[in-house]
């Protein structure tokens, strides 16, 4: 990940992936932040310059979703509430050391 490019979904075009693909991508990206240098590079992205709420350890999942779904871009503000809800669910999986990609019936 470079410091001047905002990470985007699986097809590299923000906003064009299916919701499940975006959430899976955000989950995978967040799991890479176990290395402190990766998280530090994420927090220094150009995207965060004009954003009021900067990423921190308490809101990592929400920050990743905000960035990958580009909720701060003009016309996409309505996604912010949805991102908050998705982040809460994904964070609960993370706290329970479970993967949201595994089916309980598998």
N, C-alpha and C. Protein backbone atom coordinates (compact mmCIF):
# COMPACT_ATOMS: atom_id res chain seq x y z
N UNK A 1 0.86 -1.17 0.00
CA UNK A 1 0.00 0.00 0.00
C UNK A 1 0.91 1.23 0.00
N UNK A 2 0.65 2.15 -0.87
CA UNK A 2 1.43 3.37 -0.90
C UNK A 2 0.75 4.44 -0.07
N UNK A 3 1.53 5.44 0.38
CA UNK A 3 0.96 6.46 1.24
C UNK A 3 0.15 7.49 0.49
N UNK A 4 0.21 7.50 -0.83
CA UNK A 4 -0.55 8.50 -1.56
C UNK A 4 -1.80 7.92 -2.24
N UNK A 5 -2.01 6.64 -2.12
CA UNK A 5 -3.17 6.02 -2.75
C UNK A 5 -4.10 5.45 -1.70
N UNK A 6 -5.36 5.71 -1.87
CA UNK A 6 -6.36 5.15 -0.96
C UNK A 6 -6.65 3.73 -1.38
N UNK A 7 -6.63 2.78 -0.44
CA UNK A 7 -6.96 1.42 -0.83
C UNK A 7 -8.38 1.35 -1.37
N UNK A 8 -8.58 0.51 -2.33
CA UNK A 8 -9.90 0.35 -2.90
C UNK A 8 -10.25 -1.13 -2.94
N UNK A 9 -11.46 -1.41 -3.34
CA UNK A 9 -11.98 -2.78 -3.32
C UNK A 9 -11.25 -3.72 -4.25
N UNK A 10 -11.75 -4.96 -4.32
CA UNK A 10 -11.09 -6.01 -5.09
C UNK A 10 -10.84 -5.67 -6.55
N UNK A 11 -11.70 -4.88 -7.16
CA UNK A 11 -11.47 -4.54 -8.56
C UNK A 11 -10.74 -3.21 -8.70
N UNK A 12 -10.25 -2.66 -7.58
CA UNK A 12 -9.46 -1.42 -7.53
C UNK A 12 -10.25 -0.16 -7.87
N UNK A 13 -11.55 -0.26 -8.02
CA UNK A 13 -12.37 0.90 -8.30
C UNK A 13 -13.35 1.10 -7.15
N UNK A 14 -13.16 2.14 -6.34
CA UNK A 14 -14.04 2.34 -5.20
C UNK A 14 -15.48 2.50 -5.63
N UNK A 15 -16.38 1.90 -4.85
CA UNK A 15 -17.80 2.08 -5.09
C UNK A 15 -18.39 1.21 -6.18
N UNK A 16 -17.59 0.33 -6.81
CA UNK A 16 -18.14 -0.49 -7.87
C UNK A 16 -18.24 -1.95 -7.47
N UNK A 17 -17.83 -2.29 -6.27
CA UNK A 17 -17.90 -3.68 -5.84
C UNK A 17 -19.22 -3.94 -5.13
N UNK A 18 -19.58 -5.19 -5.03
CA UNK A 18 -20.75 -5.57 -4.27
C UNK A 18 -20.44 -5.36 -2.79
N UNK A 19 -21.48 -5.15 -2.01
CA UNK A 19 -21.31 -4.87 -0.58
C UNK A 19 -20.49 -5.95 0.10
N UNK A 20 -20.78 -7.22 -0.17
CA UNK A 20 -20.05 -8.32 0.46
C UNK A 20 -18.58 -8.30 0.10
N UNK A 21 -18.27 -7.98 -1.15
CA UNK A 21 -16.87 -7.90 -1.56
C UNK A 21 -16.16 -6.77 -0.82
N UNK A 22 -16.82 -5.64 -0.65
CA UNK A 22 -16.21 -4.51 0.05
C UNK A 22 -15.96 -4.86 1.50
N UNK A 23 -16.92 -5.54 2.13
CA UNK A 23 -16.75 -5.90 3.53
C UNK A 23 -15.65 -6.94 3.70
N UNK A 24 -15.59 -7.89 2.78
CA UNK A 24 -14.53 -8.90 2.84
C UNK A 24 -13.16 -8.25 2.64
N UNK A 25 -13.08 -7.32 1.70
CA UNK A 25 -11.83 -6.61 1.46
C UNK A 25 -11.41 -5.81 2.70
N UNK A 26 -12.36 -5.12 3.32
CA UNK A 26 -12.06 -4.33 4.52
C UNK A 26 -11.60 -5.23 5.65
N UNK A 27 -12.24 -6.38 5.80
CA UNK A 27 -11.84 -7.34 6.85
C UNK A 27 -10.41 -7.81 6.61
N UNK A 28 -10.10 -8.19 5.38
CA UNK A 28 -8.76 -8.66 5.05
C UNK A 28 -7.72 -7.57 5.27
N UNK A 29 -8.03 -6.37 4.86
CA UNK A 29 -7.11 -5.25 5.04
C UNK A 29 -6.86 -4.97 6.51
N UNK A 30 -7.90 -5.02 7.32
CA UNK A 30 -7.75 -4.77 8.75
C UNK A 30 -6.90 -5.83 9.41
N UNK A 31 -7.00 -7.07 8.96
CA UNK A 31 -6.19 -8.14 9.53
C UNK A 31 -4.70 -7.93 9.27
N UNK A 32 -4.36 -7.19 8.22
CA UNK A 32 -2.96 -6.90 7.93
C UNK A 32 -2.36 -5.90 8.92
N UNK A 33 -3.22 -5.22 9.67
CA UNK A 33 -2.73 -4.20 10.59
C UNK A 33 -2.17 -4.77 11.88
N UNK A 34 -2.00 -6.09 11.95
CA UNK A 34 -1.34 -6.65 13.13
C UNK A 34 0.11 -6.19 13.16
N UNK A 35 0.64 -5.82 12.01
CA UNK A 35 1.98 -5.24 11.94
C UNK A 35 1.86 -3.72 12.10
N UNK A 36 2.47 -3.15 13.14
CA UNK A 36 2.31 -1.71 13.42
C UNK A 36 2.72 -0.81 12.25
N UNK A 37 3.70 -1.21 11.46
CA UNK A 37 4.14 -0.35 10.36
C UNK A 37 3.06 -0.25 9.28
N UNK A 38 2.29 -1.32 9.07
CA UNK A 38 1.20 -1.27 8.09
C UNK A 38 0.11 -0.32 8.54
N UNK A 39 -0.24 -0.39 9.81
CA UNK A 39 -1.28 0.51 10.34
C UNK A 39 -0.80 1.96 10.27
N UNK A 40 0.47 2.19 10.57
CA UNK A 40 1.02 3.54 10.52
C UNK A 40 0.96 4.10 9.10
N UNK A 41 1.26 3.27 8.12
CA UNK A 41 1.16 3.73 6.72
C UNK A 41 -0.27 4.07 6.35
N UNK A 42 -1.21 3.27 6.85
CA UNK A 42 -2.63 3.53 6.58
C UNK A 42 -3.06 4.88 7.16
N UNK A 43 -2.62 5.18 8.37
CA UNK A 43 -3.03 6.43 9.02
C UNK A 43 -2.41 7.66 8.38
N UNK A 44 -1.38 7.49 7.58
CA UNK A 44 -0.75 8.64 6.93
C UNK A 44 -1.17 8.82 5.47
N UNK A 45 -2.19 8.09 5.05
CA UNK A 45 -2.69 8.25 3.68
C UNK A 45 -3.20 9.67 3.47
N UNK A 46 -3.09 10.14 2.26
CA UNK A 46 -3.58 11.47 1.88
C UNK A 46 -5.07 11.63 2.17
N UNK A 47 -5.81 10.55 2.08
CA UNK A 47 -7.26 10.57 2.31
C UNK A 47 -7.63 11.19 3.67
N UNK A 48 -6.81 10.98 4.68
CA UNK A 48 -7.14 11.42 6.04
C UNK A 48 -6.84 12.90 6.29
N UNK A 49 -6.23 13.58 5.36
CA UNK A 49 -5.85 14.98 5.57
C UNK A 49 -7.05 15.86 5.88
N UNK A 50 -8.14 15.73 5.14
CA UNK A 50 -9.31 16.59 5.31
C UNK A 50 -10.46 15.91 6.06
N UNK A 51 -10.18 14.81 6.71
CA UNK A 51 -11.21 14.08 7.45
C UNK A 51 -11.12 14.47 8.92
N UNK A 52 -12.28 14.81 9.49
CA UNK A 52 -12.30 15.28 10.88
C UNK A 52 -11.89 14.19 11.86
N UNK A 53 -12.45 12.99 11.73
CA UNK A 53 -12.15 11.91 12.67
C UNK A 53 -11.07 11.01 12.09
N UNK A 54 -9.87 11.15 12.62
CA UNK A 54 -8.72 10.38 12.14
C UNK A 54 -8.77 8.95 12.68
N UNK A 55 -8.12 8.02 12.00
CA UNK A 55 -8.09 6.64 12.48
C UNK A 55 -7.30 6.53 13.78
N UNK A 56 -7.76 5.66 14.66
CA UNK A 56 -7.01 5.33 15.87
C UNK A 56 -7.28 3.88 16.22
N UNK A 57 -6.65 3.39 17.25
CA UNK A 57 -6.76 1.97 17.60
C UNK A 57 -8.18 1.56 17.95
N UNK A 58 -8.99 2.46 18.43
CA UNK A 58 -10.37 2.13 18.83
C UNK A 58 -11.32 2.04 17.65
N UNK A 59 -11.00 2.66 16.53
CA UNK A 59 -11.93 2.67 15.39
C UNK A 59 -11.29 2.17 14.10
N UNK A 60 -10.42 1.19 14.20
CA UNK A 60 -9.70 0.70 13.03
C UNK A 60 -10.65 0.19 11.95
N UNK A 61 -11.59 -0.66 12.33
CA UNK A 61 -12.50 -1.24 11.34
C UNK A 61 -13.33 -0.15 10.67
N UNK A 62 -13.85 0.78 11.45
CA UNK A 62 -14.65 1.87 10.87
C UNK A 62 -13.79 2.72 9.94
N UNK A 63 -12.54 2.96 10.33
CA UNK A 63 -11.65 3.76 9.48
C UNK A 63 -11.37 3.07 8.16
N UNK A 64 -11.15 1.77 8.20
CA UNK A 64 -10.89 1.02 6.96
C UNK A 64 -12.12 1.06 6.06
N UNK A 65 -13.30 0.85 6.63
CA UNK A 65 -14.52 0.90 5.83
C UNK A 65 -14.77 2.30 5.27
N UNK A 66 -14.54 3.32 6.09
CA UNK A 66 -14.71 4.70 5.64
C UNK A 66 -13.81 4.98 4.45
N UNK A 67 -12.58 4.53 4.54
CA UNK A 67 -11.60 4.78 3.49
C UNK A 67 -11.91 3.97 2.23
N UNK A 68 -12.19 2.67 2.39
CA UNK A 68 -12.40 1.83 1.21
C UNK A 68 -13.73 2.12 0.52
N UNK A 69 -14.74 2.53 1.29
CA UNK A 69 -16.04 2.84 0.70
C UNK A 69 -16.16 4.33 0.36
N UNK A 70 -15.11 5.09 0.64
CA UNK A 70 -15.03 6.52 0.30
C UNK A 70 -16.24 7.32 0.79
N UNK A 71 -16.61 7.14 2.04
CA UNK A 71 -17.81 7.81 2.56
C UNK A 71 -17.61 9.31 2.73
N UNK A 72 -16.39 9.78 2.71
CA UNK A 72 -16.15 11.22 2.85
C UNK A 72 -16.14 11.94 1.50
N UNK A 73 -16.25 11.20 0.42
CA UNK A 73 -16.32 11.82 -0.90
C UNK A 73 -17.68 12.51 -1.06
N UNK A 74 -17.75 13.55 -1.85
CA UNK A 74 -19.03 14.24 -2.07
C UNK A 74 -20.11 13.29 -2.59
N UNK A 75 -21.30 13.39 -2.01
CA UNK A 75 -22.41 12.57 -2.44
C UNK A 75 -22.47 11.20 -1.81
N UNK A 76 -21.52 10.86 -0.98
CA UNK A 76 -21.49 9.52 -0.37
C UNK A 76 -21.65 9.58 1.14
N UNK A 77 -22.06 10.72 1.68
CA UNK A 77 -22.18 10.90 3.11
C UNK A 77 -23.21 9.97 3.74
N UNK A 78 -24.22 9.58 2.98
CA UNK A 78 -25.27 8.71 3.50
C UNK A 78 -24.73 7.33 3.91
N UNK A 79 -23.59 6.96 3.39
CA UNK A 79 -22.99 5.66 3.73
C UNK A 79 -22.39 5.65 5.13
N UNK A 80 -22.16 6.79 5.73
CA UNK A 80 -21.47 6.84 7.02
C UNK A 80 -22.19 6.05 8.10
N UNK A 81 -23.50 6.15 8.18
CA UNK A 81 -24.26 5.41 9.19
C UNK A 81 -24.15 3.90 8.94
N UNK A 82 -24.23 3.50 7.68
CA UNK A 82 -24.11 2.09 7.33
C UNK A 82 -22.71 1.57 7.68
N UNK A 83 -21.70 2.36 7.39
CA UNK A 83 -20.33 1.96 7.70
C UNK A 83 -20.17 1.74 9.20
N UNK A 84 -20.75 2.62 10.00
CA UNK A 84 -20.66 2.47 11.45
C UNK A 84 -21.27 1.13 11.88
N UNK A 85 -22.42 0.78 11.33
CA UNK A 85 -23.08 -0.48 11.69
C UNK A 85 -22.27 -1.69 11.23
N UNK A 86 -21.78 -1.65 10.01
CA UNK A 86 -20.95 -2.74 9.51
C UNK A 86 -19.70 -2.91 10.37
N UNK A 87 -19.10 -1.81 10.72
CA UNK A 87 -17.87 -1.86 11.52
C UNK A 87 -18.13 -2.50 12.88
N UNK A 88 -19.27 -2.18 13.50
CA UNK A 88 -19.60 -2.77 14.79
C UNK A 88 -19.72 -4.29 14.68
N UNK A 89 -20.34 -4.77 13.62
CA UNK A 89 -20.50 -6.21 13.43
C UNK A 89 -19.15 -6.87 13.18
N UNK A 90 -18.37 -6.30 12.27
CA UNK A 90 -17.05 -6.89 11.97
C UNK A 90 -16.13 -6.84 13.18
N UNK A 91 -16.23 -5.78 13.97
CA UNK A 91 -15.40 -5.67 15.17
C UNK A 91 -15.77 -6.77 16.17
N UNK A 92 -17.03 -7.13 16.25
CA UNK A 92 -17.43 -8.21 17.17
C UNK A 92 -16.81 -9.54 16.73
N UNK A 93 -16.73 -9.78 15.42
CA UNK A 93 -16.05 -10.98 14.94
C UNK A 93 -14.58 -10.94 15.33
N UNK A 94 -13.97 -9.79 15.16
CA UNK A 94 -12.55 -9.64 15.49
C UNK A 94 -12.30 -9.90 16.98
N UNK A 95 -13.14 -9.36 17.84
CA UNK A 95 -12.97 -9.55 19.28
C UNK A 95 -13.15 -11.01 19.69
N UNK A 96 -13.98 -11.73 18.97
CA UNK A 96 -14.21 -13.15 19.26
C UNK A 96 -13.25 -14.06 18.50
N UNK A 97 -12.29 -13.46 17.81
CA UNK A 97 -11.29 -14.19 17.04
C UNK A 97 -11.96 -15.16 16.04
N UNK A 98 -12.99 -14.66 15.40
CA UNK A 98 -13.73 -15.45 14.40
C UNK A 98 -13.66 -14.73 13.06
N UNK A 99 -13.87 -15.49 12.01
CA UNK A 99 -13.88 -14.91 10.68
C UNK A 99 -15.32 -14.78 10.19
N UNK A 100 -15.72 -13.62 9.71
CA UNK A 100 -17.07 -13.48 9.18
C UNK A 100 -17.26 -14.20 7.84
N UNK A 101 -16.18 -14.69 7.25
CA UNK A 101 -16.28 -15.37 5.96
C UNK A 101 -16.61 -16.85 6.11
N UNK A 102 -16.46 -17.39 7.31
CA UNK A 102 -16.77 -18.80 7.52
C UNK A 102 -18.23 -18.98 7.85
N UNK A 103 -18.86 -19.89 7.20
CA UNK A 103 -20.26 -20.20 7.47
C UNK A 103 -20.33 -21.13 8.68
N UNK A 104 -21.26 -20.88 9.61
CA UNK A 104 -21.37 -21.78 10.77
C UNK A 104 -21.79 -23.20 10.37
N UNK A 105 -22.35 -23.36 9.18
CA UNK A 105 -22.80 -24.68 8.71
C UNK A 105 -21.73 -25.40 7.90
N UNK A 106 -20.58 -24.74 7.67
CA UNK A 106 -19.56 -25.34 6.83
C UNK A 106 -18.75 -26.37 7.58
